[in-house]
Each structure stands twice: as structure tokens, then as C-alpha cells.
Amino acid sequence: MTSRLLSRRALTASGLLLPVGVLAACSDPVPATAGGADASDGGGEDGAGLDTSGTQELLRAEPDQEVAALLPPEIAGSGVLRVGINGTSSAPLSFLADDNETYIGSEIDTARIVADKLGLEFELKLTTWENWPLKLEAGDFDVVHANVGINAERLQKFDFASYRAAYMAFLTQKDADFWLEDAASLSGRLIAVGAATNQERILTDWNAELEAAGKEPAELKHYSTDADTLLALGSGRVDGYLSPFPSLSFITARRDDFEVQGRINAGWPDETLVAATFPAGSGLADPYAAALNALIEDGTYGAVLERWKLTEEALPESRAHTQENP
């Protein structure tokens, strides 16, 4: 079985290419950073072993006939797994490689090895955060890998197979003389955060807690780009930056002047997981979870997370989540 990443040229020809300037968001939005350009040391493979080239070796998995036998007949008959990704997401989830043509990232690698395990060809399709629900329901693709978190509202329309923990974290200057992790640690601090994001909601709630306790709240700062945020952080104009863990882990793997502090579940005050997302009743959640568990067992899943510095978000097992069995 052969498969390759779609290039910008191929996507244009197939009508799948979306404008690079389209603003998008993950389940917990972050500014788009193609190839990690705003936080990189020049691209390609660096000292931390992060290869962001368009020619990187693809991680692959062996088919499992027992798992493949669980597929719905229409998917098995098609022989193809059509995967929607957020084409304007950020590194290391799904982003343009250094060649500015090839889409790479942890979401793509994860979906590809699942397709391998299920004995299916891998077909990549681009979407945006705003459009994936409608496109998924319309049948434009079979599954979405876009850092989607499981919540009660989404369970009304979609089924899920969990594949990663969902954490927020704080980015700070290296060796800062403070540690950011909760409401109390933020009192009086200047914190950068994306506007109208889940992480801003968390900080707003924490500020309310601080004010109710008679303590000084954090001052929240908004910047239009990731580069501006990192410049403010590096120059000391803000104390920290709250953002999804994957993007911050990627930044610290390529720069030695920042560090990651704290870890907060993205569903705070509840908990959530990142999951592959399917139309409700599609019958894909169970075989997908079975494939992921086989990949966890054979080590390929761990290799993908290690490649993208996401080992801290590894799950011990995948589980299907549906409205009947959340």
C-alpha cells in the first residue's frame, strides 16, 4: 500500500487548497504558524531532532486484519479513509512544512497510521475549524483530526475515538523566578492569551476567583500574531502565555529561551480528551479505537507523539465515545 502527503500543488489541482490567510482555530485556538516559522531556528531538522521538512520519513504501521474486520461495510468497500484536517492550524498539529507545500504534523501522522492499521488508503482533505462540523455531516470526509475535544454538546452530533490528552500550559522565559499553574499563581501577573479562546475563558474565571478572594487579578494581554506574543514574552512585557500544550512544547523544542510551566486540562473545570471525530452512528468509532489501541500496543502511536514532542499527552488506551456511551 502506498500513500503520500498532499502537496500545495496537488491540493490546488483538486480544489482542496484553502487560502493561507484564513484564520482558524483548534479546539483551543492558537495562531497559525506555518512550519513553526515564528518560533524556529531556521527550519529543517534541528538539534532537538525536529524535522519539519517536506521530505521527512513517514511513520507507517502494519495492517491488522482483525481490526479491519470491524469496519463498516461501506468504508471497507471503499478502501479509503478520507481524513479532514485543519489546514490553518499550528505546529505541531497540522501545518505546512519548510517547503511551504507539504502538510505535515501530529494529526496527519496519527490519522495515517490508523489508516494503515485498518488496511485503508489515506486521503487528506483540508478544512477549517469553522467548517469541519458541516463538512463532516455532509460526508466530505469520514473522520476529522483537528485537535477536537470531546464535550457534551458535540456528543449530540458526533462520535469520537480518543487519542490524546488535552492540556493547556504556560510559556514563560527560561528559569523564571515564579511558577504559573493556577489562579493563585497568576495574581498580579501579565498574561498573554488569544482573544475569544477557551484559554481566555479559563483565565477570566480565575480572575473572578481572585477578585472574590480580595486578590489582584491577572492582566490579560492580546496580540494579533504568535510572533508578537513571543516577542512580548521574550522582552519581559508579559510574564506568561497561556496556550494549548502542543504548540508550546513545539516552541520550546526549537528555542532554548523559553520553558513550559503548569498543565491545565483544556476542559477545566471538567476534563476532556482530544479525539478523532465521526458523524454520529457512522460505526467508525469502535474500529478506530481498536486500531489506535493496536498502535499503542505496537509502539507506533508512541513514536508519533515522540516525533512531535507530545509524549506528555499520550493516552494509555483509546476508547469510543458516543451519545449512548460518553
Protein backbone atom coordinates (compact mmCIF):
# COMPACT_ATOMS: atom_id res chain seq x y z
CA MET A 1 0.00 0.00 0.00
CA THR A 2 1.36 3.42 -0.93
CA SER A 3 0.39 6.83 0.33
CA ARG A 4 1.95 10.28 0.32
CA LEU A 5 1.31 13.69 1.75
CA LEU A 6 -0.61 16.04 -0.49
CA SER A 7 1.37 18.98 -1.79
CA ARG A 8 0.08 22.50 -2.24
CA ARG A 9 0.26 21.91 -5.99
CA ALA A 10 -1.86 18.75 -5.77
CA LEU A 11 -4.35 20.36 -3.45
CA THR A 12 -4.78 23.28 -5.81
CA ALA A 13 -5.45 20.93 -8.69
CA SER A 14 -8.06 19.04 -6.67
CA GLY A 15 -9.79 22.16 -5.43
CA LEU A 16 -8.91 21.40 -1.80
CA LEU A 17 -6.48 24.24 -1.11
CA LEU A 18 -7.73 26.88 1.28
CA PRO A 19 -6.39 30.44 1.42
CA VAL A 20 -3.37 30.64 3.71
CA GLY A 21 -4.73 33.84 5.23
CA VAL A 22 -7.91 32.21 6.51
CA LEU A 23 -7.91 32.49 10.30
CA ALA A 24 -8.65 29.22 12.06
CA ALA A 25 -8.64 27.63 15.46
CA CYS A 26 -8.00 24.33 17.12
CA SER A 27 -10.36 23.07 19.77
CA ASP A 28 -8.43 25.57 21.83
CA PRO A 29 -7.36 28.14 19.25
CA VAL A 30 -3.78 29.25 18.68
CA PRO A 31 -2.32 31.47 15.99
CA ALA A 32 -1.36 29.61 12.82
CA THR A 33 2.39 29.07 12.45
CA ALA A 34 3.41 27.51 9.16
CA GLY A 35 6.40 25.26 9.67
CA GLY A 36 6.98 26.78 13.09
CA ALA A 37 8.41 29.83 11.34
CA ASP A 38 7.75 32.27 14.13
CA ALA A 39 9.42 30.09 16.72
CA SER A 40 12.07 28.23 14.78
CA ASP A 41 15.81 28.09 14.45
CA GLY A 42 15.72 28.07 10.68
CA GLY A 43 13.61 25.00 9.93
CA GLY A 44 14.54 21.54 8.81
CA GLU A 45 15.97 19.12 11.33
CA ASP A 46 17.50 20.81 14.36
CA GLY A 47 19.41 19.71 17.44
CA ALA A 48 16.21 18.57 19.13
CA GLY A 49 15.54 16.15 16.27
CA LEU A 50 12.53 18.04 14.94
CA ASP A 51 12.30 17.51 11.21
CA THR A 52 9.89 19.99 9.62
CA SER A 53 10.97 19.34 6.05
CA GLY A 54 8.56 18.20 3.38
CA THR A 55 10.70 15.12 2.77
CA GLN A 56 10.61 13.75 6.31
CA GLU A 57 10.33 9.97 6.63
CA LEU A 58 6.72 8.88 7.04
CA LEU A 59 5.83 6.81 10.09
CA ARG A 60 3.83 3.78 8.93
CA ALA A 61 2.06 0.81 10.54
CA GLU A 62 1.25 -2.77 9.54
CA PRO A 63 -2.38 -3.70 8.76
CA ASP A 64 -4.34 -5.70 11.32
CA GLN A 65 -6.94 -7.90 9.68
CA GLU A 66 -8.91 -8.46 12.91
CA VAL A 67 -9.23 -4.74 13.47
CA ALA A 68 -10.02 -4.07 9.80
CA ALA A 69 -12.86 -6.61 10.02
CA LEU A 70 -14.65 -4.24 12.40
CA LEU A 71 -15.03 -1.54 9.74
CA PRO A 72 -18.48 -0.61 8.41
CA PRO A 73 -19.01 -2.30 5.01
CA GLU A 74 -19.12 0.98 3.07
CA ILE A 75 -15.74 2.11 4.43
CA ALA A 76 -14.15 -1.30 3.98
CA GLY A 77 -15.52 -1.46 0.45
CA SER A 78 -14.17 1.97 -0.47
CA GLY A 79 -10.67 1.03 0.65
CA VAL A 80 -10.01 4.64 1.58
CA LEU A 81 -10.04 6.67 4.80
CA ARG A 82 -10.84 10.31 3.99
CA VAL A 83 -9.38 12.48 6.74
CA GLY A 84 -10.25 16.13 7.31
CA ILE A 85 -7.57 18.27 8.93
CA ASN A 86 -7.47 21.92 9.89
CA GLY A 87 -5.33 23.35 7.12
CA THR A 88 -4.70 26.58 9.01
CA SER A 89 -3.77 25.05 12.35
CA SER A 90 -0.38 25.43 14.00
CA ALA A 91 2.71 23.33 14.54
CA PRO A 92 2.98 20.58 15.54
CA LEU A 93 -0.65 19.60 14.84
CA SER A 94 -1.09 20.22 11.10
CA PHE A 95 0.96 22.79 9.23
CA LEU A 96 2.95 23.49 6.09
CA ALA A 97 6.46 22.09 6.07
CA ASP A 98 9.51 24.20 5.32
CA ASP A 99 8.94 23.71 1.61
CA ASN A 100 5.66 25.65 2.03
CA GLU A 101 3.93 22.92 0.01
CA THR A 102 3.62 19.74 2.07
CA TYR A 103 1.25 19.34 5.01
CA ILE A 104 2.79 17.57 8.00
CA GLY A 105 2.09 17.27 11.73
CA SER A 106 0.97 15.02 14.54
CA GLU A 107 -2.67 14.96 13.45
CA ILE A 108 -1.70 13.82 9.96
CA ASP A 109 0.76 11.20 11.22
CA THR A 110 -1.80 9.81 13.67
CA ALA A 111 -4.52 9.54 11.04
CA ARG A 112 -2.15 7.92 8.55
CA ILE A 113 -1.04 5.13 10.89
CA VAL A 114 -4.68 4.44 11.79
CA ALA A 115 -5.47 4.13 8.08
CA ASP A 116 -2.52 1.73 7.77
CA LYS A 117 -3.73 -0.38 10.68
CA LEU A 118 -7.22 -0.55 9.17
CA GLY A 119 -5.79 -1.57 5.79
CA LEU A 120 -7.07 1.61 4.11
CA GLU A 121 -5.50 4.14 1.78
CA PHE A 122 -5.01 7.56 3.37
CA GLU A 123 -6.66 10.55 1.71
CA LEU A 124 -6.03 14.01 3.19
CA LYS A 125 -8.65 16.73 2.89
CA LEU A 126 -8.31 20.30 4.13
CA THR A 127 -10.94 22.18 6.06
CA THR A 128 -11.08 24.93 8.69
CA TRP A 129 -12.17 24.87 12.30
CA GLU A 130 -15.32 26.79 11.42
CA ASN A 131 -16.31 24.42 8.61
CA TRP A 132 -15.40 20.91 9.75
CA PRO A 133 -18.74 20.14 11.52
CA LEU A 134 -20.82 20.91 8.44
CA LYS A 135 -18.41 19.19 6.07
CA LEU A 136 -18.25 16.09 8.25
CA GLU A 137 -22.04 15.86 8.45
CA ALA A 138 -22.24 16.40 4.68
CA GLY A 139 -19.97 13.41 4.08
CA ASP A 140 -17.00 15.31 2.67
CA PHE A 141 -14.73 13.11 4.78
CA ASP A 142 -15.03 10.10 7.11
CA VAL A 143 -13.16 11.45 10.11
CA VAL A 144 -11.77 14.74 11.39
CA HIS A 145 -8.35 15.07 13.06
CA ALA A 146 -8.33 18.72 14.15
CA ASN A 147 -7.50 18.73 17.87
CA VAL A 148 -11.21 18.33 18.61
CA GLY A 149 -12.09 18.00 22.28
CA ILE A 150 -14.97 15.80 23.44
CA ASN A 151 -17.81 17.69 25.13
CA ALA A 152 -21.50 17.14 25.81
CA GLU A 153 -22.65 19.43 23.01
CA ARG A 154 -20.54 17.67 20.36
CA LEU A 155 -21.70 14.26 21.58
CA GLN A 156 -25.19 15.19 20.40
CA LYS A 157 -23.97 15.15 16.78
CA PHE A 158 -20.72 13.21 16.63
CA ASP A 159 -18.99 10.04 17.75
CA PHE A 160 -15.37 10.02 18.94
CA ALA A 161 -12.31 7.84 19.42
CA SER A 162 -9.90 9.42 21.90
CA TYR A 163 -6.21 9.59 21.03
CA ARG A 164 -4.59 12.33 23.11
CA ALA A 165 -4.95 14.21 26.37
CA ALA A 166 -5.94 17.87 26.06
CA TYR A 167 -3.77 20.22 28.07
CA MET A 168 -3.19 23.94 28.31
CA ALA A 169 0.09 25.25 29.67
CA PHE A 170 2.00 28.48 30.28
CA LEU A 171 5.02 29.57 28.28
CA THR A 172 7.49 31.68 30.25
CA GLN A 173 11.07 32.85 29.97
CA LYS A 174 13.56 30.12 30.81
CA ASP A 175 14.38 29.88 34.53
CA ALA A 176 11.74 32.42 35.57
CA ASP A 177 11.63 33.04 39.33
CA PHE A 178 7.94 32.11 39.51
CA TRP A 179 5.77 29.14 38.52
CA LEU A 180 2.41 29.59 36.79
CA GLU A 181 -0.13 26.82 37.25
CA ASP A 182 -3.37 28.06 38.86
CA ALA A 183 -5.38 31.12 39.81
CA ALA A 184 -3.29 31.96 42.88
CA SER A 185 -0.03 31.90 40.90
CA LEU A 186 -1.41 34.45 38.42
CA SER A 187 -2.29 37.20 40.88
CA GLY A 188 -0.83 40.49 39.63
CA ARG A 189 0.83 38.88 36.62
CA LEU A 190 0.68 40.00 32.98
CA ILE A 191 -0.56 37.07 30.91
CA ALA A 192 -0.84 36.87 27.12
CA VAL A 193 -3.77 34.88 25.76
CA GLY A 194 -5.65 34.56 22.49
CA ALA A 195 -8.86 36.58 22.37
CA ALA A 196 -12.17 34.69 22.45
CA THR A 197 -10.48 31.35 23.16
CA ASN A 198 -11.12 28.62 25.68
CA GLN A 199 -7.94 29.57 27.48
CA GLU A 200 -9.16 33.16 27.83
CA ARG A 201 -12.35 31.78 29.41
CA ILE A 202 -10.27 29.87 31.95
CA LEU A 203 -8.23 32.98 32.83
CA THR A 204 -11.39 35.09 33.13
CA ASP A 205 -12.84 32.56 35.57
CA TRP A 206 -9.62 32.51 37.56
CA ASN A 207 -9.58 36.30 37.73
CA ALA A 208 -13.11 36.19 39.12
CA GLU A 209 -11.90 33.78 41.80
CA LEU A 210 -9.01 36.10 42.67
CA GLU A 211 -11.24 39.15 42.90
CA ALA A 212 -13.76 37.27 45.05
CA ALA A 213 -10.89 36.43 47.41
CA GLY A 214 -9.77 40.06 47.52
CA LYS A 215 -6.63 39.40 45.47
CA GLU A 216 -5.28 41.26 42.46
CA PRO A 217 -6.33 39.61 39.19
CA ALA A 218 -4.01 38.94 36.30
CA GLU A 219 -3.92 41.49 33.49
CA LEU A 220 -4.70 39.79 30.20
CA LYS A 221 -2.90 40.88 27.04
CA HIS A 222 -3.91 40.09 23.45
CA TYR A 223 -1.56 40.01 20.46
CA SER A 224 -2.51 39.53 16.84
CA THR A 225 0.20 37.01 15.95
CA ASP A 226 2.27 34.32 17.61
CA ALA A 227 5.42 36.25 16.69
CA ASP A 228 4.18 39.35 18.52
CA THR A 229 3.29 37.26 21.57
CA LEU A 230 6.73 35.63 21.71
CA LEU A 231 8.42 38.99 21.24
CA ALA A 232 6.46 40.42 24.18
CA LEU A 233 7.29 37.39 26.31
CA GLY A 234 10.96 37.43 25.41
CA SER A 235 11.29 41.13 26.21
CA GLY A 236 9.54 40.78 29.57
CA ARG A 237 6.44 42.77 28.63
CA VAL A 238 4.33 39.81 29.77
CA ASP A 239 5.08 37.14 32.36
CA GLY A 240 3.48 34.21 30.59
CA TYR A 241 1.45 32.99 27.66
CA LEU A 242 -1.42 30.51 28.13
CA SER A 243 -1.94 28.31 25.08
CA PRO A 244 -2.51 24.66 24.14
CA PHE A 245 0.36 22.45 25.27
CA PRO A 246 1.28 21.09 21.80
CA SER A 247 2.18 24.47 20.34
CA LEU A 248 4.20 25.46 23.41
CA SER A 249 6.04 22.14 23.53
CA PHE A 250 6.96 22.61 19.87
CA ILE A 251 8.28 26.12 20.56
CA THR A 252 10.46 25.02 23.49
CA ALA A 253 11.83 22.11 21.44
CA ARG A 254 13.18 24.64 18.94
CA ARG A 255 14.16 27.50 21.24
CA ASP A 256 16.18 27.48 24.45
CA ASP A 257 15.00 30.81 25.89
CA PHE A 258 11.50 29.65 26.90
CA GLU A 259 10.07 26.91 29.11
CA VAL A 260 6.65 25.37 29.70
CA GLN A 261 5.06 25.71 33.15
CA GLY A 262 1.93 24.23 34.68
CA ARG A 263 -0.57 21.95 32.99
CA ILE A 264 -4.33 22.50 32.89
CA ASN A 265 -6.94 20.27 31.34
CA ALA A 266 -8.49 22.05 28.36
CA GLY A 267 -11.95 21.20 29.68
CA TRP A 268 -11.33 22.95 33.02
CA PRO A 269 -13.08 22.76 35.45
CA ASP A 270 -14.05 19.45 33.87
CA GLU A 271 -11.85 17.15 31.82
CA THR A 272 -11.77 16.44 28.12
CA LEU A 273 -9.76 14.42 25.62
CA VAL A 274 -8.71 15.06 22.03
CA ALA A 275 -10.45 12.62 19.71
CA ALA A 276 -10.97 11.54 16.13
CA THR A 277 -14.45 12.75 15.22
CA PHE A 278 -17.09 10.97 13.13
CA PRO A 279 -20.73 11.53 12.17
CA ALA A 280 -22.96 10.04 14.86
CA GLY A 281 -23.91 6.47 14.06
CA SER A 282 -21.25 6.04 11.37
CA GLY A 283 -19.96 2.88 13.00
CA LEU A 284 -16.36 4.09 12.79
CA ALA A 285 -15.69 4.93 16.44
CA ASP A 286 -15.21 1.35 17.64
CA PRO A 287 -12.89 0.12 14.85
CA TYR A 288 -10.95 3.38 15.06
CA ALA A 289 -10.42 2.98 18.81
CA ALA A 290 -9.40 -0.65 18.23
CA ALA A 291 -6.85 0.48 15.63
CA LEU A 292 -5.47 3.12 17.99
CA ASN A 293 -5.14 0.55 20.78
CA ALA A 294 -3.25 -1.76 18.43
CA LEU A 295 -0.96 1.15 17.57
CA ILE A 296 -0.45 1.93 21.25
CA GLU A 297 0.50 -1.69 21.82
CA ASP A 298 2.95 -1.95 18.92
CA GLY A 299 4.62 1.39 19.75
CA THR A 300 3.80 3.27 16.54
CA TYR A 301 1.43 5.63 18.38
CA GLY A 302 4.19 6.48 20.85
CA ALA A 303 6.62 7.11 18.02
CA VAL A 304 4.29 9.71 16.51
CA LEU A 305 3.92 11.58 19.80
CA GLU A 306 7.66 11.40 20.43
CA ARG A 307 8.38 12.82 16.97
CA TRP A 308 6.25 15.88 17.75
CA LYS A 309 7.25 16.24 21.44
CA LEU A 310 3.74 15.34 22.65
CA THR A 311 4.56 12.34 24.84
CA GLU A 312 3.07 14.13 27.86
CA GLU A 313 -0.34 13.94 26.16
CA ALA A 314 -0.14 10.20 25.44
CA LEU A 315 -3.11 8.06 26.47
CA PRO A 316 -2.76 4.51 27.83
CA GLU A 317 -5.73 3.44 25.72
CA SER A 318 -8.27 4.76 23.23
CA ARG A 319 -11.99 4.48 23.81
CA ALA A 320 -15.04 5.08 21.64
CA HIS A 321 -17.31 7.86 22.90
CA THR A 322 -20.89 8.15 21.68
CA GLN A 323 -24.07 9.78 22.94
CA GLU A 324 -25.14 6.41 24.33
CA ASN A 325 -21.73 5.68 25.85
CA PRO A 326 -19.99 9.01 26.59
